[in-house]
Protein backbone atom coordinates (compact mmCIF):
# COMPACT_ATOMS: atom_id res chain seq x y z
CA MET A 1 -0.87 6.88 20.57
CA ASP A 2 -4.16 5.72 22.35
CA GLU A 3 -5.27 2.79 23.15
CA ASP A 4 -7.61 1.84 20.26
CA THR A 5 -4.57 3.24 17.78
CA THR A 6 -5.06 2.59 14.05
CA ILE A 7 -2.33 3.14 11.32
CA VAL A 8 -2.72 2.32 7.44
CA VAL A 9 0.34 1.55 5.58
CA GLY A 10 0.14 1.19 1.73
CA VAL A 11 2.06 -1.90 0.47
CA ASP A 12 2.34 -2.08 -3.12
CA GLY A 13 5.45 -4.72 -2.95
CA SER A 14 8.22 -2.31 -3.38
CA PRO A 15 11.06 -2.02 -1.37
CA ALA A 16 10.06 1.90 0.33
CA SER A 17 6.77 0.24 0.86
CA MET A 18 7.71 -2.86 2.50
CA ASN A 19 10.28 -0.81 4.60
CA ALA A 20 6.88 1.30 5.22
CA LEU A 21 5.32 -2.24 6.70
CA ARG A 22 8.35 -2.52 8.64
CA TRP A 23 8.59 1.15 10.01
CA ALA A 24 4.70 0.97 10.97
CA VAL A 25 4.99 -2.93 12.89
CA GLU A 26 8.19 -1.69 14.46
CA ARG A 27 6.68 1.84 16.07
CA ALA A 28 3.21 0.06 16.37
CA ARG A 29 1.96 -1.02 20.31
CA PRO A 30 0.59 -4.00 20.64
CA ASP A 31 -3.19 -2.59 21.00
CA ALA A 32 -2.88 -0.93 17.70
CA THR A 33 -4.71 -2.35 14.15
CA ILE A 34 -2.31 -2.21 11.15
CA ARG A 35 -4.46 -1.81 8.07
CA ALA A 36 -1.95 -2.87 5.45
CA VAL A 37 -3.67 -1.48 1.91
CA HIS A 38 -2.70 -3.29 -1.15
CA VAL A 39 -4.64 -0.64 -4.24
CA TRP A 40 -4.66 -2.34 -7.29
CA GLY A 41 -6.38 -1.29 -10.76
CA LEU A 42 -7.04 -2.18 -14.44
CA PRO A 43 -4.05 -1.95 -16.77
CA THR A 44 -5.01 1.45 -18.53
CA LEU A 45 -5.71 -1.86 -21.69
CA SER A 46 -8.45 -3.73 -19.61
CA ALA A 47 -10.24 -4.57 -23.47
CA LEU A 48 -7.84 -5.78 -25.94
CA PRO A 49 -9.18 -6.13 -29.40
CA GLY A 50 -8.72 -9.98 -30.46
CA PRO A 51 -9.51 -12.40 -32.73
CA LEU A 52 -13.47 -12.69 -32.32
CA GLY A 53 -14.42 -9.49 -30.86
CA THR A 54 -12.81 -7.62 -27.68
CA THR A 55 -11.34 -9.54 -25.04
CA SER A 56 -11.60 -8.65 -21.12
CA LEU A 57 -8.59 -9.30 -18.62
CA PRO A 58 -10.21 -11.02 -16.25
CA LEU A 59 -10.79 -9.41 -13.17
CA ASP A 60 -10.63 -13.02 -10.86
CA ALA A 61 -7.12 -12.94 -12.21
CA LEU A 62 -5.39 -9.46 -11.46
CA GLU A 63 -7.64 -9.35 -7.63
CA GLU A 64 -6.08 -12.50 -6.96
CA ASN A 65 -2.73 -11.28 -8.26
CA ALA A 66 -3.17 -8.39 -5.90
CA ARG A 67 -4.12 -10.32 -2.81
CA ILE A 68 -0.70 -12.93 -3.32
CA LEU A 69 1.59 -9.28 -3.80
CA LEU A 70 -0.43 -8.49 -0.01
CA ASP A 71 0.23 -11.89 1.60
CA ALA A 72 3.73 -11.86 0.39
CA ALA A 73 4.61 -8.76 1.22
CA ILE A 74 2.85 -8.95 5.23
CA GLY A 75 4.58 -12.32 5.19
CA ALA A 76 7.75 -11.28 4.79
CA VAL A 77 7.56 -8.64 7.22
CA VAL A 78 5.70 -10.15 9.95
CA PRO A 79 7.03 -13.98 9.01
CA GLU A 80 5.98 -15.14 12.69
CA PRO A 81 1.88 -13.29 14.70
CA ALA A 82 3.21 -9.91 16.00
CA SER A 83 2.03 -8.45 18.61
CA SER A 84 -0.37 -5.53 16.30
CA SER A 85 -2.92 -6.61 14.90
CA ILE A 86 -2.19 -6.53 10.69
CA GLU A 87 -5.75 -6.00 9.14
CA PRO A 88 -4.78 -7.24 5.06
CA VAL A 89 -7.12 -4.76 2.66
CA LEU A 90 -7.12 -5.10 -0.43
CA ARG A 91 -8.82 -2.86 -2.95
CA GLU A 92 -9.19 -1.56 -6.73
CA GLY A 93 -9.34 2.10 -7.38
CA PRO A 94 -6.62 5.08 -7.62
CA GLY A 95 -3.96 4.64 -5.59
CA ALA A 96 -3.61 8.32 -3.46
CA ALA A 97 -7.76 8.74 -3.48
CA THR A 98 -8.07 5.40 -2.32
CA LEU A 99 -5.27 4.98 0.48
CA LEU A 100 -6.86 8.44 1.49
CA GLU A 101 -10.57 6.90 1.94
CA GLU A 102 -8.82 3.85 4.04
CA ALA A 103 -7.07 6.18 6.14
CA GLU A 104 -10.61 8.38 7.26
CA GLY A 105 -10.35 8.63 11.15
CA ALA A 106 -7.15 6.80 11.37
CA ASP A 107 -4.68 7.85 13.38
CA LEU A 108 -2.01 7.53 11.35
CA LEU A 109 -0.85 6.84 7.45
CA VAL A 110 2.40 5.64 6.37
CA VAL A 111 3.41 5.17 2.60
CA GLY A 112 6.65 4.38 1.10
CA ALA A 113 8.43 7.42 -0.71
CA ARG A 114 8.47 6.03 -3.73
CA GLY A 115 6.06 3.10 -5.10
CA VAL A 116 6.54 0.61 -8.46
CA GLY A 117 4.85 2.82 -10.59
CA GLY A 118 6.15 6.74 -11.01
CA PHE A 119 9.35 8.28 -12.29
CA ARG A 120 12.36 7.51 -10.52
CA GLY A 121 14.03 11.06 -10.41
CA LEU A 122 11.31 12.00 -7.77
CA LEU A 123 11.93 12.99 -4.55
CA VAL A 124 9.04 11.50 -3.69
CA GLY A 125 6.24 9.79 -5.45
CA SER A 126 3.29 11.00 -7.05
CA VAL A 127 0.98 8.74 -4.26
CA ALA A 128 2.93 10.03 -1.42
CA ASP A 129 2.88 13.95 -2.27
CA GLN A 130 -1.11 13.27 -2.79
CA VAL A 131 -1.83 11.86 0.82
CA VAL A 132 0.43 14.35 2.08
CA LYS A 133 -1.91 17.17 0.61
CA HIS A 134 -4.90 15.64 1.65
CA ALA A 135 -4.66 13.27 4.64
CA LYS A 136 -6.78 14.14 7.30
CA CYS A 137 -4.08 12.50 9.68
CA PRO A 138 -0.53 12.37 10.40
CA VAL A 139 1.61 10.91 7.13
CA VAL A 140 4.89 9.12 7.52
CA ILE A 141 6.76 8.82 4.18
CA VAL A 142 9.44 6.12 4.76
CA PRO A 143 12.19 5.59 1.87
CA ALA A 144 13.42 2.70 0.26
CA PRO A 145 16.20 0.83 1.85
CA GLU A 146 19.30 2.52 1.03
CA ASP A 147 20.70 -0.36 -1.31
CA GLU A 148 17.79 -0.11 -3.20
CA ASP A 149 17.05 3.46 -3.41
CA GLN A 150 19.06 4.18 -6.43
């Protein structure tokens, strides 16, 4: 990869996504930029009926929780400043589509084999499946650590 290498990594806090971030950090050139992207979304029920009408979930709190998860994931993988530049990116939206947007113009997209949602019986999760089918750059799918995979 050349000097201005950009690697986008999907990070959702799952063991596979943590392995994906670790994989990217270990293999990136010192001058590469790693964009650690956490995509968060509204729960299925974003407005719950309450005794005095509709109660909305606090979007600021959901976004702050997502930021905490992303910062913790980066801190767990890169406890000290790395030679590569890690750029935390927090986005709201659908997982696969948002990762594909973030990967526009990137040199590589790295995702975990299965994330926090999805079905445990699938070999590859739905986000990984979608990014492989639609990405305009190479994609690496990194499995969870063997002891966490089952």
